[in-house]
Amino acid sequence: MHKEEGECKLKEEEAYLRAVDVDYSFHLAKRMEQYKCNEALGYRTAGSRAEWETGEMIRREMEAIGLERVRKDEISLDSWEFKQAILRFHDASGQMKECQLGAYQTDFHTDGFEEFTIVCGGKGTAADYVGADVSGKLVLAEINQREEWWINFPVYEAHIRGAAALIAVQGGGYGEVDDTALNAQDIGGPADAPAFSMSRADARALKESMAGTGEKKVWFCADSTVKTGAVSYNIVGEIPGRDRESMILLSAHYDSYFSGFQDDNAAVALMLGIGRALIQSGYRPEKTIVFCAMAAEEWGMADSKYDWSTGAWQQVSVVHPEWRGKVAADFNFELPAHAHGKKDAIRTVYEYADFLESLLKGTGVGKDVYPEGVAVLCPVETMSDDFSMAISGIPSMVNDFTSGQFMETHYHTQFDNDDYYDEAVYRFHHELYGCLVMAFDRTAVAPLNFERLFLALKDSLDLDYSEKTGAGGERLKELTEEGARLGKAVYEKVCRINENYRRILREAKEKQGPDQIQIYRRAKEYRENCRELETVLMKLFKKEQDSFVRLDWHDEVCFPQEAVRRNLKLVRTAVECLENGHGRCALEAIYGIDNNRYAFQFDEEVFRHFTDYVMNQEAGRLQWGAGRIVHHENLFHLVQLLKGKLEEEDEDFTEELLILKRVEENQLACYLDDIEYMNHAIEKMIQKLKEITENESWKVTDCTE
């Protein structure tokens, strides 16, 4: 990377690469497995004793490898301790069968083995309960969380019908590696609606024993405890830099389901392996390099749609909000010891895509491990802690881990173990990210390029649609083009500044004694002269995260106008369908509007609960999702009306058309507001970018001379 920077840099990198010891990291990842809540299955859950013990081990390890200022940062959360869930029943041959069950973050206790009646609940939808009495019973339901609906919906449906608990079987989407696989995910629902998981193999044996009856007596022993208002700890250590006000952050989470070898033991060990190699190589950073093992990534907040990434959100929003503006970059790690395909990728915020691509260009990195190379993807997604970092104002990235089949097969199952360890991939990630850390360390100004953001904004526009609606899309297009031009100009200035800074550092490393000290003083002065520029750029980054990062109802990242525009097009399709007498076609369109797909399968109480807890819950419990969904159309009654008309073969859709046209008017108003809002937000960003490029009084002028 950047071979033109000279021999000194290469020597530092070579020393680092020689110090990398993946055996150390592998064995550290394995050591983390000794701490568990459930002796049979593992689990190291948020706020549990096992998580605390693992944190203590990581703290000791940070000290042992030479990190400084090692400490535990307390965070607030809801805790979950899952000790056991065992089901016994007589199989079809009359033999007693005992099954280990997984669990979701809910509260349920028995006094040893208690007798229950278990019933088949289909897919757990409202229709599956017609004519059924499940009060006090266990309900066995099949789910596919990837292609149909999340676990919280059938669980809450069972809860409001009085079921003792729901036992879910993954019919597909996750845990596909083996019929004996158990699966666990965040629950996204209330703790008093209990849920457990059963393998397909065990469920098949249970159903066979229920043939002809649909229910039977079983014996169930479970101990799963959720406590609100608990605490856990993020574990932090540092390699001090010459500049204590500028930081680079490395992060990974240490809670897990099952043994969690890939997710995320290997990532914590990778993070510490990088720190250990940097220290052993003698690398003296310019910025302070901070290592943070995050608690409570898998879950940490009861009855919240955004119940994961709790530790990261707390770290930067509550414990250390002053990190905003000081941390130039966060390197987050997930599932790093397994190849997810022939092509690796770094997923990052728009603003760091160009810098990362320049670092990767022409190096041939990873060709022996990833024959198709390493891509840079953006933006960051909601599945890992880097999203919490980014929206807090810390530009972030993560090794891309969602490609390939692993997420559908091994992810969050007992098959996430070292049988799927790939040493070459693991070594490559140690080498790549250690070198990237050093590259970011040699920047005087965070290398943020807003051009890519504005180009993405431009690509998100639908000019034909905005023209039809009078939304002023052409003005927005012009602003995005101007923003892209100014963003590029500012980035070019930042690149010149950073090139000058790297020259000074290189010169310092070639000297010794008083001459070296003098040059490092010059580097410090240069860096200080650039401080104001970096502060402005980091504030701009935070501003754009606040202004432009939104989520749809399926947790996909989007720009503000996109979700509403998609709704409007679906509403228009539904209207046209009804005008032509096609009720089923209209329902297909309505299915895609906001979260209304759940109105098709579940009772209104279920639908309202999981709508209201997004729109009407305090920000602290919404965590990183607060304010990211702005609009909602509740079409539950419209769905029921249309379904009723179809059943009765009634083609008079007058009432439904009136409802849809009111919805269209409302969504159009939201769309117009969103476009106007974006125009104003971009205008403000453009003004600040112009100040950087044109205002001669900026201290950055001294940096470029």
Foldseek 3Di string as FASTA:
>chain_A
DPPVLDDLLVLLLVLLLVLQDVVQLLVQLVVLLVQALEPVFGFQWFQDPSVQVSLVVLLVVCVVLPFPPKDWFKFWFKTKRWHFKKKWDQFQVRDIDIFTWAWEQAFDFDPFWDKAKEFEQEQLFPVSCVVHQQAAHEYEHEYACQPANAQQLSLVQCVVSHHNAYEYEHPFNAAAQDQQKWFYAHRLAARHSTYIYGGNVVVVRVVNNCPPPRMDMMIMGTGMDIGHGHMDIKIKTKQAALDAQAEAEEEAESGATGSCSLRPSSSLSLLVSLVSSSVSSVPHFHYMYMYIHFYFQRATFGNANLGGLRRLLCVCPPRNVVCQLRHLEYEYEGRQFADQALEKEKAWAQFCQVVVCVVQPPPCQPCVPRVVYYHYHDDDASNGNQLSCQLSLHTYIYTDDPHHCCRGHPPRINNSDCVRGHSVRSSSVSSVVSSVVRVCSLFLARLTQCLRVLVVVLVLDDVVVCVVLVLPVVLSNVLSVLLNVLSVVLNVLSVLLSVVLSSLVSVLSVDDDPVNVVSVVVSVVLSVLCSVVNSLVSVLSNLCSVQFWAAALVRGTGGQLNLLVLLLVLLVQLLVCLVVLNLVSNLVSVCPRGPCVSLQTHDPVSVCSSVCSQVPPDCVSNRSNHPRDDDHDDCSVLNVVSVVCVVVVNSPCPVSSVVSVVVSVVSSVSNSVSSVSSSVSSVVSSVSSCCSVPPPVRSSVVSND
